[in-house]
Amino acid sequence: MPSGVRCRTCGAVASAHSIGVIAPTVMIMNASATSHSTPLSEPDTRQPPLTLGFIGLGAMGWAMCGHLQHAGHRLRVYARDQVKRERAALAGMQVCGSPAEVAMGAAFVFTNVTSTPDVEQVLLGPEGAAHGASPGTICVDHSTIAPSGARRIAAALGEAGIAFLDAPVSGGEKGAREASLSIMVGGEPEVYARALRILSLLGSTITHVGPAGSGQVAKLCNQIVQVINIEGIAEAMRFAQAEGADLHRVLHAISAGFAGSRMLDLMGPKMAARDFAAGIPARLHAKDFSLAAEAARHAGLALPALSAVHAQLDRLMALGMGDDDTSSLLRALEQPRK
């Protein structure tokens, strides 16, 4: 077994593979047709260097590129922003003039951009990666997009013999820097198995959820649970505030009971201290909730909590707080209704 891997299905452990300062333990789960987890081959951290493409050099993408480069892989990258392009060149990455150029000679092409149309543009557009990739190339999309969009992209790339994994992540910029992201993967099991050794350089929990689009479904489920929880914390803090209670003492009292959660531990103190500096900007949660709401509408689902929190996120955007932390949902509750 290679170092640094814990398999969720068999429990075997070896010492962690070091990436920079942080050496995460990698947990792996494979999806089978019967929904039972089955062991996959562990990622080989002693793999020979590969040529990898990466499109999108924001805070998340840049950190992920650093881990791939540190592992010895050659990077071909693309970003529209000139400052990011110059930074990549100074780091020894090959900066390309288009996504198609990025894909030339790359075994894997990673994307981490904003929206479904952005992913379609950089992969399938006139200068998209599909025009430079060879059959057998694997495209891995770490963006959060519509599940239907992921399925559409997978089908279009498949016609050209190019494989696709939708692999959105959770963990934010901190998780990207520490290579401790949770990665939720949709796609063919054989393609997932081929990509696993590379994905293990970026995340500590990697789950094959199912066919194309399934990774995006899992990510939107993650966002639904997470942000509804944040809204619940905000409403509890607003209630305590209105009743004249000490917010810090209330948090201490409830955190050890069934109300306790990782999100309460993170967001409660921020709200009590009125620290609304962005961990994850609220506009990103608002974008993801719009995707979830649209998917639910197409499925004919009535999800009242999702709808209510979606409205609160929209209100937060209207108040000009989109670049602040999602804990600012408390401030939305404090604003008088017109």
C-alpha atoms as a PDB file:
ATOM      1  CA  MET A   1       0.000   0.000   0.000  1.00  0.00           C
ATOM      2  CA  PRO A   2       1.348   3.470  -0.777  1.00  0.00           C
ATOM      3  CA  SER A   3       1.926   5.882   2.069  1.00  0.00           C
ATOM      4  CA  GLY A   4      -0.712   8.370   3.164  1.00  0.00           C
ATOM      5  CA  VAL A   5      -3.876   6.443   2.439  1.00  0.00           C
ATOM      6  CA  ARG A   6      -6.758   5.200   4.589  1.00  0.00           C
ATOM      7  CA  CYS A   7      -9.357   3.207   2.673  1.00  0.00           C
ATOM      8  CA  ARG A   8     -12.917   3.753   3.950  1.00  0.00           C
ATOM      9  CA  THR A   9     -13.852   0.263   2.898  1.00  0.00           C
ATOM     10  CA  CYS A  10     -11.065  -1.787   4.492  1.00  0.00           C
ATOM     11  CA  GLY A  11      -9.592   0.555   7.111  1.00  0.00           C
ATOM     12  CA  ALA A  12      -5.969  -0.037   6.129  1.00  0.00           C
ATOM     13  CA  VAL A  13      -3.637   2.834   6.963  1.00  0.00           C
ATOM     14  CA  ALA A  14      -0.131   3.861   5.983  1.00  0.00           C
ATOM     15  CA  SER A  15       1.903   6.956   6.818  1.00  0.00           C
ATOM     16  CA  ALA A  16       0.766  10.113   5.066  1.00  0.00           C
ATOM     17  CA  HIS A  17       2.196  11.389   1.816  1.00  0.00           C
ATOM     18  CA  SER A  18       3.672  14.791   2.472  1.00  0.00           C
ATOM     19  CA  ILE A  19       2.522  17.771   0.450  1.00  0.00           C
ATOM     20  CA  GLY A  20       4.180  20.988   1.583  1.00  0.00           C
ATOM     21  CA  VAL A  21       3.669  21.415   5.314  1.00  0.00           C
ATOM     22  CA  ILE A  22       0.430  19.427   5.589  1.00  0.00           C
ATOM     23  CA  ALA A  23       0.372  15.641   5.159  1.00  0.00           C
ATOM     24  CA  PRO A  24      -3.288  14.611   5.037  1.00  0.00           C
ATOM     25  CA  THR A  25      -4.705  11.143   5.467  1.00  0.00           C
ATOM     26  CA  VAL A  26      -6.714  10.203   2.404  1.00  0.00           C
ATOM     27  CA  MET A  27     -10.036   8.409   2.829  1.00  0.00           C
ATOM     28  CA  ILE A  28     -11.532   6.743  -0.236  1.00  0.00           C
ATOM     29  CA  MET A  29     -15.023   5.446  -0.962  1.00  0.00           C
ATOM     30  CA  ASN A  30     -16.140   3.826  -4.179  1.00  0.00           C
ATOM     31  CA  ALA A  31     -19.765   3.722  -5.349  1.00  0.00           C
ATOM     32  CA  SER A  32     -21.024   0.378  -6.627  1.00  0.00           C
ATOM     33  CA  ALA A  33     -24.258  -0.423  -8.435  1.00  0.00           C
ATOM     34  CA  THR A  34     -25.697  -1.872  -5.213  1.00  0.00           C
ATOM     35  CA  SER A  35     -24.744   1.189  -3.170  1.00  0.00           C
ATOM     36  CA  HIS A  36     -22.295  -0.871  -1.097  1.00  0.00           C
ATOM     37  CA  SER A  37     -18.760   0.480  -0.809  1.00  0.00           C
ATOM     38  CA  THR A  38     -16.046  -1.691  -2.352  1.00  0.00           C
ATOM     39  CA  PRO A  39     -12.275  -1.240  -2.159  1.00  0.00           C
ATOM     40  CA  LEU A  40     -10.434   0.368  -5.028  1.00  0.00           C
ATOM     41  CA  SER A  41      -6.750   0.271  -5.782  1.00  0.00           C
ATOM     42  CA  GLU A  42      -4.978   2.762  -3.555  1.00  0.00           C
ATOM     43  CA  PRO A  43      -3.449   5.807  -5.273  1.00  0.00           C
ATOM     44  CA  ASP A  44       0.207   5.318  -6.166  1.00  0.00           C
ATOM     45  CA  THR A  45       1.985   8.318  -4.698  1.00  0.00           C
ATOM     46  CA  ARG A  46       5.217   7.218  -6.405  1.00  0.00           C
ATOM     47  CA  GLN A  47       3.757   7.786  -9.851  1.00  0.00           C
ATOM     48  CA  PRO A  48       5.988   9.104 -12.647  1.00  0.00           C
ATOM     49  CA  PRO A  49       5.562  12.789 -13.525  1.00  0.00           C
ATOM     50  CA  LEU A  50       2.664  13.578 -15.838  1.00  0.00           C
ATOM     51  CA  THR A  51       1.768  16.565 -17.951  1.00  0.00           C
ATOM     52  CA  LEU A  52      -1.340  18.104 -16.418  1.00  0.00           C
ATOM     53  CA  GLY A  53      -3.502  20.984 -17.589  1.00  0.00           C
ATOM     54  CA  PHE A  54      -5.211  23.385 -15.199  1.00  0.00           C
ATOM     55  CA  ILE A  55      -7.745  26.061 -16.147  1.00  0.00           C
ATOM     56  CA  GLY A  56      -8.710  28.624 -13.503  1.00  0.00           C
ATOM     57  CA  LEU A  57      -6.077  30.060 -11.174  1.00  0.00           C
ATOM     58  CA  GLY A  58      -8.174  31.659  -8.440  1.00  0.00           C
ATOM     59  CA  ALA A  59      -7.383  31.065  -4.782  1.00  0.00           C
ATOM     60  CA  MET A  60      -8.583  27.460  -4.903  1.00  0.00           C
ATOM     61  CA  GLY A  61      -7.073  26.597  -8.273  1.00  0.00           C
ATOM     62  CA  TRP A  62      -3.745  28.192  -7.437  1.00  0.00           C
ATOM     63  CA  ALA A  63      -3.376  26.152  -4.241  1.00  0.00           C
ATOM     64  CA  MET A  64      -4.307  22.964  -6.078  1.00  0.00           C
ATOM     65  CA  CYS A  65      -1.749  23.685  -8.802  1.00  0.00           C
ATOM     66  CA  GLY A  66       0.887  24.073  -6.107  1.00  0.00           C
ATOM     67  CA  HIS A  67       0.244  20.562  -4.762  1.00  0.00           C
ATOM     68  CA  LEU A  68       0.329  19.037  -8.236  1.00  0.00           C
ATOM     69  CA  GLN A  69       3.561  20.805  -9.069  1.00  0.00           C
ATOM     70  CA  HIS A  70       5.114  19.882  -5.709  1.00  0.00           C
ATOM     71  CA  ALA A  71       4.411  16.220  -6.517  1.00  0.00           C
ATOM     72  CA  GLY A  72       6.608  16.590  -9.609  1.00  0.00           C
ATOM     73  CA  HIS A  73       4.004  16.966 -12.332  1.00  0.00           C
ATOM     74  CA  ARG A  74       4.450  19.346 -15.265  1.00  0.00           C
ATOM     75  CA  LEU A  75       1.704  21.977 -15.434  1.00  0.00           C
ATOM     76  CA  ARG A  76       0.207  23.699 -18.448  1.00  0.00           C
ATOM     77  CA  VAL A  77      -2.157  26.427 -17.218  1.00  0.00           C
ATOM     78  CA  TYR A  78      -4.607  29.038 -18.430  1.00  0.00           C
ATOM     79  CA  ALA A  79      -6.203  32.053 -16.751  1.00  0.00           C
ATOM     80  CA  ARG A  80      -7.774  35.165 -18.224  1.00  0.00           C
ATOM     81  CA  ASP A  81      -6.233  37.444 -15.590  1.00  0.00           C
ATOM     82  CA  GLN A  82      -2.777  38.708 -16.584  1.00  0.00           C
ATOM     83  CA  VAL A  83      -1.523  38.946 -12.988  1.00  0.00           C
ATOM     84  CA  LYS A  84      -2.378  35.279 -12.404  1.00  0.00           C
ATOM     85  CA  ARG A  85      -0.709  34.312 -15.659  1.00  0.00           C
ATOM     86  CA  GLU A  86       2.483  36.116 -14.660  1.00  0.00           C
ATOM     87  CA  ARG A  87       2.467  34.503 -11.219  1.00  0.00           C
ATOM     88  CA  ALA A  88       2.140  31.070 -12.820  1.00  0.00           C
ATOM     89  CA  ALA A  89       5.032  31.767 -15.202  1.00  0.00           C
ATOM     90  CA  LEU A  90       7.243  32.844 -12.296  1.00  0.00           C
ATOM     91  CA  ALA A  91       6.366  29.582 -10.518  1.00  0.00           C
ATOM     92  CA  GLY A  92       7.666  27.579 -13.476  1.00  0.00           C
ATOM     93  CA  MET A  93       4.319  26.587 -14.969  1.00  0.00           C
ATOM     94  CA  GLN A  94       3.799  26.712 -18.720  1.00  0.00           C
ATOM     95  CA  VAL A  95       1.258  29.457 -19.388  1.00  0.00           C
ATOM     96  CA  CYS A  96      -0.916  28.787 -22.439  1.00  0.00           C
ATOM     97  CA  GLY A  97      -2.909  31.101 -24.670  1.00  0.00           C
ATOM     98  CA  SER A  98      -6.155  29.107 -24.623  1.00  0.00           C
ATOM     99  CA  PRO A  99      -7.803  26.122 -22.938  1.00  0.00           C
ATOM    100  CA  ALA A 100      -7.236  24.148 -26.146  1.00  0.00           C
ATOM    101  CA  GLU A 101      -3.494  24.765 -25.856  1.00  0.00           C
ATOM    102  CA  VAL A 102      -3.584  23.689 -22.197  1.00  0.00           C
ATOM    103  CA  ALA A 103      -4.988  20.301 -23.203  1.00  0.00           C
ATOM    104  CA  MET A 104      -2.317  19.541 -25.809  1.00  0.00           C
ATOM    105  CA  GLY A 105      -0.277  16.621 -24.493  1.00  0.00           C
ATOM    106  CA  ALA A 106      -1.987  16.648 -21.086  1.00  0.00           C
ATOM    107  CA  ALA A 107      -3.079  13.369 -19.499  1.00  0.00           C
ATOM    108  CA  PHE A 108      -5.556  15.221 -17.271  1.00  0.00           C
ATOM    109  CA  VAL A 109      -7.155  18.646 -17.648  1.00  0.00           C
ATOM    110  CA  PHE A 110      -8.494  20.211 -14.458  1.00  0.00           C
ATOM    111  CA  THR A 111     -10.973  23.082 -14.394  1.00  0.00           C
ATOM    112  CA  ASN A 112     -11.953  25.264 -11.448  1.00  0.00           C
ATOM    113  CA  VAL A 113     -14.088  28.154 -12.677  1.00  0.00           C
ATOM    114  CA  THR A 114     -17.334  29.787 -11.572  1.00  0.00           C
ATOM    115  CA  SER A 115     -20.444  28.656 -13.400  1.00  0.00           C
ATOM    116  CA  THR A 116     -21.945  26.057 -15.724  1.00  0.00           C
ATOM    117  CA  PRO A 117     -21.512  28.323 -18.806  1.00  0.00           C
ATOM    118  CA  ASP A 118     -17.885  28.963 -17.793  1.00  0.00           C
ATOM    119  CA  VAL A 119     -17.128  25.237 -17.688  1.00  0.00           C
ATOM    120  CA  GLU A 120     -18.869  24.679 -21.011  1.00  0.00           C
ATOM    121  CA  GLN A 121     -16.880  27.534 -22.547  1.00  0.00           C
ATOM    122  CA  VAL A 122     -13.436  26.384 -21.397  1.00  0.00           C
ATOM    123  CA  LEU A 123     -14.081  22.742 -22.279  1.00  0.00           C
ATOM    124  CA  LEU A 124     -16.415  22.850 -25.286  1.00  0.00           C
ATOM    125  CA  GLY A 125     -16.199  26.425 -26.647  1.00  0.00           C
ATOM    126  CA  PRO A 126     -14.400  27.476 -29.851  1.00  0.00           C
ATOM    127  CA  GLU A 127     -11.051  27.473 -28.007  1.00  0.00           C
ATOM    128  CA  GLY A 128     -12.092  24.859 -25.464  1.00  0.00           C
ATOM    129  CA  ALA A 129      -9.919  22.057 -24.146  1.00  0.00           C
ATOM    130  CA  ALA A 130     -11.816  19.512 -26.244  1.00  0.00           C
ATOM    131  CA  HIS A 131     -10.145  20.940 -29.341  1.00  0.00           C
ATOM    132  CA  GLY A 132      -6.650  20.266 -27.999  1.00  0.00           C
ATOM    133  CA  ALA A 133      -7.152  17.071 -26.020  1.00  0.00           C
ATOM    134  CA  SER A 134      -6.386  13.640 -27.417  1.00  0.00           C
ATOM    135  CA  PRO A 135      -8.787  10.707 -27.043  1.00  0.00           C
ATOM    136  CA  GLY A 136      -8.231   9.153 -23.628  1.00  0.00           C
ATOM    137  CA  THR A 137      -7.596  12.473 -21.896  1.00  0.00           C
ATOM    138  CA  ILE A 138      -9.506  12.870 -18.614  1.00  0.00           C
ATOM    139  CA  CYS A 139     -11.136  16.224 -17.799  1.00  0.00           C
ATOM    140  CA  VAL A 140     -11.773  16.787 -14.088  1.00  0.00           C
ATOM    141  CA  ASP A 141     -14.031  19.688 -13.155  1.00  0.00           C
ATOM    142  CA  HIS A 142     -13.748  21.005  -9.589  1.00  0.00           C
ATOM    143  CA  SER A 143     -16.285  23.804 -10.132  1.00  0.00           C
ATOM    144  CA  THR A 144     -19.732  23.733  -8.548  1.00  0.00           C
ATOM    145  CA  ILE A 145     -22.212  23.654 -11.430  1.00  0.00           C
ATOM    146  CA  ALA A 146     -25.654  22.278 -12.284  1.00  0.00           C
ATOM    147  CA  PRO A 147     -25.827  18.452 -12.281  1.00  0.00           C
ATOM    148  CA  SER A 148     -27.618  18.629 -15.636  1.00  0.00           C
ATOM    149  CA  GLY A 149     -24.739  20.710 -17.000  1.00  0.00           C
ATOM    150  CA  ALA A 150     -22.204  18.140 -15.807  1.00  0.00           C
ATOM    151  CA  ARG A 151     -24.139  15.356 -17.557  1.00  0.00           C
ATOM    152  CA  ARG A 152     -24.342  17.410 -20.756  1.00  0.00           C
ATOM    153  CA  ILE A 153     -20.600  18.145 -20.705  1.00  0.00           C
ATOM    154  CA  ALA A 154     -19.753  14.486 -20.026  1.00  0.00           C
ATOM    155  CA  ALA A 155     -21.842  13.389 -23.020  1.00  0.00           C
ATOM    156  CA  ALA A 156     -20.314  15.987 -25.362  1.00  0.00           C
ATOM    157  CA  LEU A 157     -16.742  15.127 -24.370  1.00  0.00           C
ATOM    158  CA  GLY A 158     -17.483  11.410 -24.577  1.00  0.00           C
ATOM    159  CA  GLU A 159     -18.362  11.789 -28.253  1.00  0.00           C
ATOM    160  CA  ALA A 160     -14.751  12.902 -28.802  1.00  0.00           C
ATOM    161  CA  GLY A 161     -13.324  10.030 -26.736  1.00  0.00           C
ATOM    162  CA  ILE A 162     -12.517  12.343 -23.812  1.00  0.00           C
ATOM    163  CA  ALA A 163     -13.482  11.206 -20.312  1.00  0.00           C
ATOM    164  CA  PHE A 164     -15.052  13.526 -17.743  1.00  0.00           C
ATOM    165  CA  LEU A 165     -15.383  13.574 -13.967  1.00  0.00           C
ATOM    166  CA  ASP A 166     -17.442  16.158 -12.130  1.00  0.00           C
ATOM    167  CA  ALA A 167     -15.494  16.540  -8.892  1.00  0.00           C
ATOM    168  CA  PRO A 168     -16.685  19.541  -6.862  1.00  0.00           C
ATOM    169  CA  VAL A 169     -14.960  20.150  -3.566  1.00  0.00           C
ATOM    170  CA  SER A 170     -15.778  21.262  -0.038  1.00  0.00           C
ATOM    171  CA  GLY A 171     -13.336  22.766   2.416  1.00  0.00           C
ATOM    172  CA  GLY A 172     -12.754  26.260   1.059  1.00  0.00           C
ATOM    173  CA  GLU A 173      -9.448  27.993   0.534  1.00  0.00           C
ATOM    174  CA  LYS A 174      -8.037  26.516   3.753  1.00  0.00           C
ATOM    175  CA  GLY A 175      -8.795  22.999   2.542  1.00  0.00           C
ATOM    176  CA  ALA A 176      -7.217  23.758  -0.822  1.00  0.00           C
ATOM    177  CA  ARG A 177      -4.046  25.087   0.817  1.00  0.00           C
ATOM    178  CA  GLU A 178      -3.787  22.099   3.153  1.00  0.00           C
ATOM    179  CA  ALA A 179      -4.769  19.473   0.532  1.00  0.00           C
ATOM    180  CA  SER A 180      -7.572  18.447   2.903  1.00  0.00           C
ATOM    181  CA  LEU A 181     -10.528  19.008   0.563  1.00  0.00           C
ATOM    182  CA  SER A 182     -13.510  16.681   0.430  1.00  0.00           C
ATOM    183  CA  ILE A 183     -13.907  15.706  -3.229  1.00  0.00           C
ATOM    184  CA  MET A 184     -17.268  14.375  -4.466  1.00  0.00           C
ATOM    185  CA  VAL A 185     -16.896  12.590  -7.792  1.00  0.00           C
ATOM    186  CA  GLY A 186     -19.323  11.665 -10.538  1.00  0.00           C
ATOM    187  CA  GLY A 187     -18.301   9.617 -13.568  1.00  0.00           C
ATOM    188  CA  GLU A 188     -17.414   6.157 -14.792  1.00  0.00           C
ATOM    189  CA  PRO A 189     -15.763   3.933 -12.144  1.00  0.00           C
ATOM    190  CA  GLU A 190     -12.848   3.085 -14.456  1.00  0.00           C
ATOM    191  CA  VAL A 191     -12.126   6.757 -15.073  1.00  0.00           C
ATOM    192  CA  TYR A 192     -12.377   7.515 -11.363  1.00  0.00           C
ATOM    193  CA  ALA A 193      -9.878   4.725 -10.629  1.00  0.00           C
ATOM    194  CA  ARG A 194      -7.418   6.239 -13.123  1.00  0.00           C
ATOM    195  CA  ALA A 195      -7.791   9.709 -11.608  1.00  0.00           C
ATOM    196  CA  LEU A 196      -7.658   8.681  -7.957  1.00  0.00           C
ATOM    197  CA  ARG A 197      -3.897   8.890  -7.558  1.00  0.00           C
ATOM    198  CA  ILE A 198      -3.955  12.497  -8.763  1.00  0.00           C
ATOM    199  CA  LEU A 199      -7.021  13.464  -6.720  1.00  0.00           C
ATOM    200  CA  SER A 200      -5.298  12.134  -3.600  1.00  0.00           C
ATOM    201  CA  LEU A 201      -2.790  14.983  -3.931  1.00  0.00           C
ATOM    202  CA  LEU A 202      -5.609  17.509  -3.496  1.00  0.00           C
ATOM    203  CA  GLY A 203      -8.023  16.097  -0.934  1.00  0.00           C
ATOM    204  CA  SER A 204      -8.267  14.004   2.217  1.00  0.00           C
ATOM    205  CA  THR A 205     -11.736  12.532   1.621  1.00  0.00           C
ATOM    206  CA  ILE A 206     -12.499  11.322  -1.895  1.00  0.00           C
ATOM    207  CA  THR A 207     -15.871   9.710  -2.640  1.00  0.00           C
ATOM    208  CA  HIS A 208     -17.063   8.227  -5.914  1.00  0.00           C
ATOM    209  CA  VAL A 209     -20.775   9.036  -5.669  1.00  0.00           C
ATOM    210  CA  GLY A 210     -22.005   7.574  -8.971  1.00  0.00           C
ATOM    211  CA  PRO A 211     -22.338   8.397 -12.685  1.00  0.00           C
ATOM    212  CA  ALA A 212     -21.823  11.794 -14.308  1.00  0.00           C
ATOM    213  CA  GLY A 213     -23.556  14.582 -12.408  1.00  0.00           C
ATOM    214  CA  SER A 214     -23.556  12.679  -9.106  1.00  0.00           C
ATOM    215  CA  GLY A 215     -20.646  14.663  -7.719  1.00  0.00           C
ATOM    216  CA  GLN A 216     -22.585  17.874  -8.301  1.00  0.00           C
ATOM    217  CA  VAL A 217     -25.672  16.382  -6.648  1.00  0.00           C
ATOM    218  CA  ALA A 218     -23.602  15.541  -3.563  1.00  0.00           C
ATOM    219  CA  LYS A 219     -22.091  19.034  -3.502  1.00  0.00           C
ATOM    220  CA  LEU A 220     -25.505  20.693  -3.638  1.00  0.00           C
ATOM    221  CA  CYS A 221     -26.674  18.380  -0.835  1.00  0.00           C
ATOM    222  CA  ASN A 222     -23.631  19.556   1.112  1.00  0.00           C
ATOM    223  CA  GLN A 223     -24.596  23.184   0.512  1.00  0.00           C
ATOM    224  CA  ILE A 224     -28.244  22.621   1.450  1.00  0.00           C
ATOM    225  CA  VAL A 225     -27.287  21.060   4.793  1.00  0.00           C
ATOM    226  CA  GLN A 226     -24.534  23.587   5.459  1.00  0.00           C
ATOM    227  CA  VAL A 227     -26.331  26.841   4.700  1.00  0.00           C
ATOM    228  CA  ILE A 228     -29.672  25.868   6.222  1.00  0.00           C
ATOM    229  CA  ASN A 229     -27.619  25.159   9.346  1.00  0.00           C
ATOM    230  CA  ILE A 230     -26.021  28.608   9.127  1.00  0.00           C
ATOM    231  CA  GLU A 231     -29.450  30.235   8.820  1.00  0.00           C
ATOM    232  CA  GLY A 232     -30.627  28.281  11.872  1.00  0.00           C
ATOM    233  CA  ILE A 233     -27.631  29.542  13.855  1.00  0.00           C
ATOM    234  CA  ALA A 234     -28.287  33.098  12.687  1.00  0.00           C
ATOM    235  CA  GLU A 235     -31.934  32.882  13.769  1.00  0.00           C
ATOM    236  CA  ALA A 236     -30.944  31.466  17.171  1.00  0.00           C
ATOM    237  CA  MET A 237     -28.437  34.287  17.664  1.00  0.00           C
ATOM    238  CA  ARG A 238     -31.004  36.873  16.590  1.00  0.00           C
ATOM    239  CA  PHE A 239     -33.535  35.422  19.040  1.00  0.00           C
ATOM    240  CA  ALA A 240     -31.015  35.410  21.905  1.00  0.00           C
ATOM    241  CA  GLN A 241     -29.977  38.959  21.020  1.00  0.00           C
ATOM    242  CA  ALA A 242     -33.568  40.217  21.055  1.00  0.00           C
ATOM    243  CA  GLU A 243     -34.178  38.543  24.423  1.00  0.00           C
ATOM    244  CA  GLY A 244     -31.118  40.265  25.921  1.00  0.00           C
ATOM    245  CA  ALA A 245     -29.072  37.091  26.448  1.00  0.00           C
ATOM    246  CA  ASP A 246     -25.269  36.951  26.230  1.00  0.00           C
ATOM    247  CA  LEU A 247     -24.555  35.316  22.867  1.00  0.00           C
ATOM    248  CA  HIS A 248     -21.259  33.761  23.941  1.00  0.00           C
ATOM    249  CA  ARG A 249     -22.915  32.150  26.991  1.00  0.00           C
ATOM    250  CA  VAL A 250     -25.791  30.888  24.889  1.00  0.00           C
ATOM    251  CA  LEU A 251     -23.327  29.272  22.493  1.00  0.00           C
ATOM    252  CA  HIS A 252     -21.485  27.647  25.385  1.00  0.00           C
ATOM    253  CA  ALA A 253     -24.753  26.312  26.770  1.00  0.00           C
ATOM    254  CA  ILE A 254     -26.055  24.767  23.538  1.00  0.00           C
ATOM    255  CA  SER A 255     -22.870  23.585  21.825  1.00  0.00           C
ATOM    256  CA  ALA A 256     -22.501  20.463  24.005  1.00  0.00           C
ATOM    257  CA  GLY A 257     -26.084  19.338  23.395  1.00  0.00           C
ATOM    258  CA  PHE A 258     -27.853  18.054  20.295  1.00  0.00           C
ATOM    259  CA  ALA A 259     -27.658  21.553  18.778  1.00  0.00           C
ATOM    260  CA  GLY A 260     -23.888  21.202  18.646  1.00  0.00           C
ATOM    261  CA  SER A 261     -22.285  20.910  15.204  1.00  0.00           C
ATOM    262  CA  ARG A 262     -19.120  21.797  13.361  1.00  0.00           C
ATOM    263  CA  MET A 263     -20.991  24.661  11.737  1.00  0.00           C
ATOM    264  CA  LEU A 264     -22.181  25.988  15.113  1.00  0.00           C
ATOM    265  CA  ASP A 265     -18.581  25.875  16.355  1.00  0.00           C
ATOM    266  CA  LEU A 266     -17.442  27.827  13.288  1.00  0.00           C
ATOM    267  CA  MET A 267     -20.244  30.316  12.680  1.00  0.00           C
ATOM    268  CA  GLY A 268     -21.616  30.868  16.184  1.00  0.00           C
ATOM    269  CA  PRO A 269     -18.505  32.591  17.568  1.00  0.00           C
ATOM    270  CA  LYS A 270     -18.183  34.678  14.389  1.00  0.00           C
ATOM    271  CA  MET A 271     -21.735  35.929  14.795  1.00  0.00           C
ATOM    272  CA  ALA A 272     -21.326  36.564  18.521  1.00  0.00           C
ATOM    273  CA  ALA A 273     -18.115  38.526  17.887  1.00  0.00           C
ATOM    274  CA  ARG A 274     -19.643  40.230  14.826  1.00  0.00           C
ATOM    275  CA  ASP A 275     -16.731  39.021  12.722  1.00  0.00           C
ATOM    276  CA  PHE A 276     -18.145  38.932   9.211  1.00  0.00           C
ATOM    277  CA  ALA A 277     -14.840  38.770   7.304  1.00  0.00           C
ATOM    278  CA  ALA A 278     -15.244  36.254   4.522  1.00  0.00           C
ATOM    279  CA  GLY A 279     -14.202  32.678   5.003  1.00  0.00           C
ATOM    280  CA  ILE A 280     -16.342  31.724   2.031  1.00  0.00           C
ATOM    281  CA  PRO A 281     -18.059  34.747   0.451  1.00  0.00           C
ATOM    282  CA  ALA A 282     -21.830  34.643   0.787  1.00  0.00           C
ATOM    283  CA  ARG A 283     -22.217  35.222  -2.969  1.00  0.00           C
ATOM    284  CA  LEU A 284     -20.794  31.754  -3.629  1.00  0.00           C
ATOM    285  CA  HIS A 285     -23.340  30.130  -1.334  1.00  0.00           C
ATOM    286  CA  ALA A 286     -26.030  32.228  -3.024  1.00  0.00           C
ATOM    287  CA  LYS A 287     -24.893  30.959  -6.430  1.00  0.00           C
ATOM    288  CA  ASP A 288     -24.949  27.347  -5.238  1.00  0.00           C
ATOM    289  CA  PHE A 289     -28.386  27.743  -3.674  1.00  0.00           C
ATOM    290  CA  SER A 290     -29.698  29.083  -6.961  1.00  0.00           C
ATOM    291  CA  LEU A 291     -28.405  25.917  -8.643  1.00  0.00           C
ATOM    292  CA  ALA A 292     -30.065  23.732  -5.990  1.00  0.00           C
ATOM    293  CA  ALA A 293     -33.348  25.650  -6.191  1.00  0.00           C
ATOM    294  CA  GLU A 294     -33.423  25.355  -9.981  1.00  0.00           C
ATOM    295  CA  ALA A 295     -32.672  21.620  -9.878  1.00  0.00           C
ATOM    296  CA  ALA A 296     -35.400  21.115  -7.268  1.00  0.00           C
ATOM    297  CA  ARG A 297     -37.868  23.074  -9.400  1.00  0.00           C
ATOM    298  CA  HIS A 298     -37.106  20.924 -12.460  1.00  0.00           C
ATOM    299  CA  ALA A 299     -37.582  17.800 -10.345  1.00  0.00           C
ATOM    300  CA  GLY A 300     -40.943  19.057  -9.087  1.00  0.00           C
ATOM    301  CA  LEU A 301     -39.743  19.039  -5.479  1.00  0.00           C
ATOM    302  CA  ALA A 302     -41.129  21.219  -2.710  1.00  0.00           C
ATOM    303  CA  LEU A 303     -38.207  21.970  -0.362  1.00  0.00           C
ATOM    304  CA  PRO A 304     -39.455  24.700   1.965  1.00  0.00           C
ATOM    305  CA  ALA A 305     -36.301  25.180   4.030  1.00  0.00           C
ATOM    306  CA  LEU A 306     -34.209  25.485   0.862  1.00  0.00           C
ATOM    307  CA  SER A 307     -36.661  28.060  -0.512  1.00  0.00           C
ATOM    308  CA  ALA A 308     -36.649  30.125   2.683  1.00  0.00           C
ATOM    309  CA  VAL A 309     -32.856  30.205   2.962  1.00  0.00           C
ATOM    310  CA  HIS A 310     -32.534  30.942  -0.752  1.00  0.00           C
ATOM    311  CA  ALA A 311     -34.690  34.032  -0.170  1.00  0.00           C
ATOM    312  CA  GLN A 312     -32.486  35.096   2.753  1.00  0.00           C
ATOM    313  CA  LEU A 313     -29.339  34.730   0.642  1.00  0.00           C
ATOM    314  CA  ASP A 314     -30.966  36.810  -2.108  1.00  0.00           C
ATOM    315  CA  ARG A 315     -31.756  39.449   0.503  1.00  0.00           C
ATOM    316  CA  LEU A 316     -28.147  39.396   1.658  1.00  0.00           C
ATOM    317  CA  MET A 317     -27.058  40.033  -1.941  1.00  0.00           C
ATOM    318  CA  ALA A 318     -29.534  42.918  -2.227  1.00  0.00           C
ATOM    319  CA  LEU A 319     -28.044  44.435   0.939  1.00  0.00           C
ATOM    320  CA  GLY A 320     -24.616  44.476  -0.716  1.00  0.00           C
ATOM    321  CA  MET A 321     -23.073  41.852   1.581  1.00  0.00           C
ATOM    322  CA  GLY A 322     -22.164  39.263  -1.055  1.00  0.00           C
ATOM    323  CA  ASP A 323     -18.426  39.526  -0.462  1.00  0.00           C
ATOM    324  CA  ASP A 324     -18.818  39.098   3.308  1.00  0.00           C
ATOM    325  CA  ASP A 325     -19.016  35.793   5.138  1.00  0.00           C
ATOM    326  CA  THR A 326     -22.258  33.809   5.078  1.00  0.00           C
ATOM    327  CA  SER A 327     -22.478  34.401   8.839  1.00  0.00           C
ATOM    328  CA  SER A 328     -23.821  37.770   7.654  1.00  0.00           C
ATOM    329  CA  LEU A 329     -27.190  36.033   7.460  1.00  0.00           C
ATOM    330  CA  LEU A 330     -27.487  37.376  11.017  1.00  0.00           C
ATOM    331  CA  ARG A 331     -27.210  40.913   9.675  1.00  0.00           C
ATOM    332  CA  ALA A 332     -29.958  40.213   7.151  1.00  0.00           C
ATOM    333  CA  LEU A 333     -32.225  39.265  10.061  1.00  0.00           C
ATOM    334  CA  GLU A 334     -31.307  42.488  11.842  1.00  0.00           C
ATOM    335  CA  GLN A 335     -32.353  44.667   8.930  1.00  0.00           C
ATOM    336  CA  PRO A 336     -35.912  46.001   9.150  1.00  0.00           C
ATOM    337  CA  ARG A 337     -38.274  44.706   6.506  1.00  0.00           C
ATOM    338  CA  LYS A 338     -39.607  47.392   4.189  1.00  0.00           C
END
